[in-house]
PDB file of N, CA and C in Angstrom:
ATOM      1  N   MET A   1      -3.649  83.954   0.195  1.00  0.00           N
ATOM      2  CA  MET A   1      -3.652  84.433  -1.124  1.00  0.00           C
ATOM      3  C   MET A   1      -2.108  85.051  -1.395  1.00  0.00           C
ATOM      4  N   ILE A   2      -2.115  85.059  -2.645  1.00  0.00           N
ATOM      5  CA  ILE A   2      -0.923  85.430  -3.145  1.00  0.00           C
ATOM      6  C   ILE A   2      -0.915  87.036  -3.436  1.00  0.00           C
ATOM      7  N   PRO A   3      -0.040  87.562  -3.341  1.00  0.00           N
ATOM      8  CA  PRO A   3       0.141  89.125  -3.455  1.00  0.00           C
ATOM      9  C   PRO A   3       0.246  89.525  -4.992  1.00  0.00           C
ATOM     10  N   ASN A   4      -0.285  90.663  -5.349  1.00  0.00           N
ATOM     11  CA  ASN A   4      -0.263  90.991  -6.824  1.00  0.00           C
ATOM     12  C   ASN A   4       1.219  91.021  -7.492  1.00  0.00           C
ATOM     13  N   VAL A   5       2.128  91.626  -6.498  1.00  0.00           N
ATOM     14  CA  VAL A   5       3.435  91.608  -6.964  1.00  0.00           C
ATOM     15  C   VAL A   5       3.922  90.092  -7.635  1.00  0.00           C
ATOM     16  N   VAL A   6       3.792  89.324  -6.642  1.00  0.00           N
ATOM     17  CA  VAL A   6       4.252  87.739  -7.207  1.00  0.00           C
ATOM     18  C   VAL A   6       3.514  87.418  -8.559  1.00  0.00           C
ATOM     19  N   ILE A   7       2.189  87.578  -8.501  1.00  0.00           N
ATOM     20  CA  ILE A   7       1.692  87.182  -9.850  1.00  0.00           C
ATOM     21  C   ILE A   7       2.238  88.278 -11.035  1.00  0.00           C
ATOM     22  N   GLY A   8       2.318  89.278 -11.007  1.00  0.00           N
ATOM     23  CA  GLY A   8       2.868  89.823 -11.887  1.00  0.00           C
ATOM     24  C   GLY A   8       4.371  90.127 -12.239  1.00  0.00           C
ATOM     25  N   ALA A   9       5.384  89.375 -11.309  1.00  0.00           N
ATOM     26  CA  ALA A   9       6.470  89.154 -11.705  1.00  0.00           C
ATOM     27  C   ALA A   9       6.337  87.725 -12.375  1.00  0.00           C
ATOM     28  N   VAL A  10       5.872  86.779 -11.878  1.00  0.00           N
ATOM     29  CA  VAL A  10       5.661  85.393 -12.613  1.00  0.00           C
ATOM     30  C   VAL A  10       4.904  85.637 -13.821  1.00  0.00           C
ATOM     31  N   LEU A  11       3.984  86.200 -14.329  1.00  0.00           N
ATOM     32  CA  LEU A  11       3.480  86.392 -15.545  1.00  0.00           C
ATOM     33  C   LEU A  11       4.247  87.347 -16.406  1.00  0.00           C
ATOM     34  N   GLY A  12       5.342  88.317 -15.912  1.00  0.00           N
ATOM     35  CA  GLY A  12       6.479  89.158 -16.470  1.00  0.00           C
ATOM     36  C   GLY A  12       7.228  88.295 -17.168  1.00  0.00           C
ATOM     37  N   ALA A  13       7.848  87.457 -15.973  1.00  0.00           N
ATOM     38  CA  ALA A  13       9.040  86.642 -16.534  1.00  0.00           C
ATOM     39  C   ALA A  13       8.491  85.494 -17.564  1.00  0.00           C
ATOM     40  N   VAL A  14       7.350  84.841 -17.600  1.00  0.00           N
ATOM     41  CA  VAL A  14       6.960  84.115 -18.320  1.00  0.00           C
ATOM     42  C   VAL A  14       6.802  84.818 -19.936  1.00  0.00           C
ATOM     43  N   ALA A  15       6.421  85.857 -19.757  1.00  0.00           N
ATOM     44  CA  ALA A  15       5.923  86.482 -21.131  1.00  0.00           C
ATOM     45  C   ALA A  15       7.142  87.045 -21.558  1.00  0.00           C
ATOM     46  N   GLY A  16       8.271  87.282 -21.038  1.00  0.00           N
ATOM     47  CA  GLY A  16       9.686  87.960 -21.382  1.00  0.00           C
ATOM     48  C   GLY A  16      10.347  86.748 -22.080  1.00  0.00           C
ATOM     49  N   PHE A  17      10.278  85.367 -21.309  1.00  0.00           N
ATOM     50  CA  PHE A  17      10.859  84.274 -21.963  1.00  0.00           C
ATOM     51  C   PHE A  17      10.068  83.909 -23.230  1.00  0.00           C
ATOM     52  N   ALA A  18       8.889  83.929 -23.422  1.00  0.00           N
ATOM     53  CA  ALA A  18       7.798  83.882 -24.419  1.00  0.00           C
ATOM     54  C   ALA A  18       7.973  84.611 -25.374  1.00  0.00           C
ATOM     55  N   TRP A  19       8.577  85.752 -25.711  1.00  0.00           N
ATOM     56  CA  TRP A  19       8.950  86.536 -26.333  1.00  0.00           C
ATOM     57  C   TRP A  19      10.092  86.573 -26.927  1.00  0.00           C
ATOM     58  N   GLN A  20      11.066  86.170 -26.250  1.00  0.00           N
ATOM     59  CA  GLN A  20      12.516  85.715 -26.589  1.00  0.00           C
ATOM     60  C   GLN A  20      12.149  84.566 -27.483  1.00  0.00           C
ATOM     61  N   ARG A  21      11.575  83.467 -27.109  1.00  0.00           N
ATOM     62  CA  ARG A  21      11.385  82.284 -27.953  1.00  0.00           C
ATOM     63  C   ARG A  21      10.637  82.458 -29.066  1.00  0.00           C
ATOM     64  N   LEU A  22       9.416  83.242 -29.124  1.00  0.00           N
ATOM     65  CA  LEU A  22       8.819  83.493 -30.263  1.00  0.00           C
ATOM     66  C   LEU A  22       9.319  84.337 -31.253  1.00  0.00           C
ATOM     67  N   VAL A  23       9.553  85.869 -30.631  1.00  0.00           N
ATOM     68  CA  VAL A  23      10.175  87.067 -31.404  1.00  0.00           C
ATOM     69  C   VAL A  23      11.484  86.770 -31.604  1.00  0.00           C
ATOM     70  N   GLY A  24      12.287  86.340 -30.679  1.00  0.00           N
ATOM     71  CA  GLY A  24      13.389  86.982 -30.105  1.00  0.00           C
ATOM     72  C   GLY A  24      14.394  87.152 -31.292  1.00  0.00           C
ATOM     73  N   CYS A  25      15.436  87.101 -31.409  1.00  0.00           N
ATOM     74  CA  CYS A  25      16.563  87.718 -32.102  1.00  0.00           C
ATOM     75  C   CYS A  25      17.473  86.439 -32.582  1.00  0.00           C
ATOM     76  N   SER A  26      17.536  86.170 -34.182  1.00  0.00           N
ATOM     77  CA  SER A  26      17.928  84.924 -34.363  1.00  0.00           C
ATOM     78  C   SER A  26      19.421  84.888 -35.085  1.00  0.00           C
ATOM     79  N   THR A  27      19.805  86.546 -34.811  1.00  0.00           N
ATOM     80  CA  THR A  27      21.230  86.765 -35.553  1.00  0.00           C
ATOM     81  C   THR A  27      22.102  86.906 -33.929  1.00  0.00           C
ATOM     82  N   GLY A  28      21.227  86.992 -33.094  1.00  0.00           N
ATOM     83  CA  GLY A  28      22.215  87.515 -31.624  1.00  0.00           C
ATOM     84  C   GLY A  28      22.699  88.556 -31.783  1.00  0.00           C
ATOM     85  N   ALA A  29      22.510  89.639 -32.779  1.00  0.00           N
ATOM     86  CA  ALA A  29      22.816  91.098 -32.608  1.00  0.00           C
ATOM     87  C   ALA A  29      22.305  92.227 -31.333  1.00  0.00           C
ATOM     88  N   CYS A  30      20.968  91.453 -31.008  1.00  0.00           N
ATOM     89  CA  CYS A  30      20.213  92.699 -30.183  1.00  0.00           C
ATOM     90  C   CYS A  30      20.600  92.014 -28.826  1.00  0.00           C
ATOM     91  N   PRO A  31      21.171  92.436 -27.887  1.00  0.00           N
ATOM     92  CA  PRO A  31      21.194  92.153 -26.808  1.00  0.00           C
ATOM     93  C   PRO A  31      20.118  91.653 -25.709  1.00  0.00           C
ATOM     94  N   LEU A  32      19.377  92.487 -25.899  1.00  0.00           N
ATOM     95  CA  LEU A  32      18.062  92.048 -25.024  1.00  0.00           C
ATOM     96  C   LEU A  32      17.492  90.880 -25.417  1.00  0.00           C
ATOM     97  N   MET A  33      17.399  90.502 -26.668  1.00  0.00           N
ATOM     98  CA  MET A  33      16.350  89.248 -27.095  1.00  0.00           C
ATOM     99  C   MET A  33      17.151  88.216 -27.347  1.00  0.00           C
ATOM    100  N   SER A  34      18.601  88.379 -27.637  1.00  0.00           N
ATOM    101  CA  SER A  34      19.506  87.175 -27.758  1.00  0.00           C
ATOM    102  C   SER A  34      19.556  86.458 -26.390  1.00  0.00           C
ATOM    103  N   ASN A  35      19.662  86.450 -25.546  1.00  0.00           N
ATOM    104  CA  ASN A  35      19.927  85.749 -24.078  1.00  0.00           C
ATOM    105  C   ASN A  35      18.606  85.580 -23.491  1.00  0.00           C
ATOM    106  N   PRO A  36      17.837  84.708 -23.344  1.00  0.00           N
ATOM    107  CA  PRO A  36      16.542  84.307 -22.557  1.00  0.00           C
ATOM    108  C   PRO A  36      16.773  84.403 -21.542  1.00  0.00           C
ATOM    109  N   TRP A  37      17.970  84.467 -20.466  1.00  0.00           N
ATOM    110  CA  TRP A  37      18.183  85.021 -19.422  1.00  0.00           C
ATOM    111  C   TRP A  37      17.551  86.442 -19.036  1.00  0.00           C
ATOM    112  N   VAL A  38      18.303  87.420 -19.814  1.00  0.00           N
ATOM    113  CA  VAL A  38      17.980  88.823 -19.854  1.00  0.00           C
ATOM    114  C   VAL A  38      16.603  89.142 -19.946  1.00  0.00           C
ATOM    115  N   SER A  39      16.189  88.416 -21.271  1.00  0.00           N
ATOM    116  CA  SER A  39      14.767  88.601 -21.553  1.00  0.00           C
ATOM    117  C   SER A  39      13.858  88.369 -20.303  1.00  0.00           C
ATOM    118  N   THR A  40      14.159  87.207 -20.068  1.00  0.00           N
ATOM    119  CA  THR A  40      13.244  86.597 -18.745  1.00  0.00           C
ATOM    120  C   THR A  40      13.107  88.019 -17.433  1.00  0.00           C
ATOM    121  N   ALA A  41      14.731  88.372 -17.193  1.00  0.00           N
ATOM    122  CA  ALA A  41      14.754  89.032 -16.224  1.00  0.00           C
ATOM    123  C   ALA A  41      14.065  90.568 -16.406  1.00  0.00           C
ATOM    124  N   TYR A  42      14.192  90.969 -17.571  1.00  0.00           N
ATOM    125  CA  TYR A  42      13.273  92.117 -17.997  1.00  0.00           C
ATOM    126  C   TYR A  42      12.344  92.361 -17.693  1.00  0.00           C
ATOM    127  N   GLY A  43      11.647  90.937 -18.304  1.00  0.00           N
ATOM    128  CA  GLY A  43      10.001  90.601 -18.142  1.00  0.00           C
ATOM    129  C   GLY A  43       9.405  90.737 -16.839  1.00  0.00           C
ATOM    130  N   LEU A  44      10.142  90.140 -15.834  1.00  0.00           N
ATOM    131  CA  LEU A  44       9.952  89.974 -14.543  1.00  0.00           C
ATOM    132  C   LEU A  44      10.054  91.110 -13.765  1.00  0.00           C
ATOM    133  N   VAL A  45      10.894  92.333 -14.221  1.00  0.00           N
ATOM    134  CA  VAL A  45      10.933  93.536 -13.560  1.00  0.00           C
ATOM    135  C   VAL A  45       9.720  94.558 -14.546  1.00  0.00           C
ATOM    136  N   ALA A  46       9.571  94.388 -15.520  1.00  0.00           N
ATOM    137  CA  ALA A  46       8.433  94.762 -16.088  1.00  0.00           C
ATOM    138  C   ALA A  46       7.220  94.711 -15.304  1.00  0.00           C
ATOM    139  N   GLY A  47       6.992  93.315 -14.958  1.00  0.00           N
ATOM    140  CA  GLY A  47       5.831  92.506 -14.269  1.00  0.00           C
ATOM    141  C   GLY A  47       5.605  93.363 -13.283  1.00  0.00           C
ATOM    142  N   ILE A  48       6.735  93.297 -12.131  1.00  0.00           N
ATOM    143  CA  ILE A  48       6.345  93.870 -10.954  1.00  0.00           C
ATOM    144  C   ILE A  48       6.413  95.347 -10.968  1.00  0.00           C
ATOM    145  N   LEU A  49       6.919  95.960 -12.203  1.00  0.00           N
ATOM    146  CA  LEU A  49       6.633  97.430 -11.930  1.00  0.00           C
ATOM    147  C   LEU A  49       5.078  97.649 -12.448  1.00  0.00           C
ATOM    148  N   ILE A  50       4.429  97.019 -13.181  1.00  0.00           N
ATOM    149  CA  ILE A  50       3.159  96.849 -13.504  1.00  0.00           C
ATOM    150  C   ILE A  50       2.301  96.670 -12.481  1.00  0.00           C
ATOM    151  N   ALA A  51       2.660  95.656 -11.835  1.00  0.00           N
ATOM    152  CA  ALA A  51       1.919  95.085 -10.507  1.00  0.00           C
ATOM    153  C   ALA A  51       1.782  96.401  -9.571  1.00  0.00           C
ATOM    154  N   THR A  52       2.845  96.748  -9.271  1.00  0.00           N
ATOM    155  CA  THR A  52       3.057  98.271  -8.256  1.00  0.00           C
ATOM    156  C   THR A  52       2.343  99.443  -8.775  1.00  0.00           C
ATOM    157  N   SER A  53       2.197  99.487 -10.073  1.00  0.00           N
ATOM    158  CA  SER A  53       1.422 100.711 -10.272  1.00  0.00           C
ATOM    159  C   SER A  53      -0.110 100.499 -10.556  1.00  0.00           C
ATOM    160  N   ALA A  54      -0.394  99.489 -10.601  1.00  0.00           N
ATOM    161  CA  ALA A  54      -2.047  99.232 -10.536  1.00  0.00           C
ATOM    162  C   ALA A  54      -2.745  99.429  -9.342  1.00  0.00           C
ATOM    163  N   ARG A  55      -2.008  99.636  -7.974  1.00  0.00           N
ATOM    164  CA  ARG A  55      -2.680  99.743  -6.892  1.00  0.00           C
ATOM    165  C   ARG A  55      -3.318 101.252  -6.922  1.00  0.00           C
TER     166      ARG A  55
END
């Protein structure tokens, strides 16, 4: 079985990347959403935090 933390990390990373692609910052002025690596990492961390708090 896959642990909840791994599932949360993957879902968070996908959500962070999708958010950057669909909503992101078109001008590049916002540091979080202008770079897909940063938004993916932010989503990954958020997914891990949500998965660990759900226990």
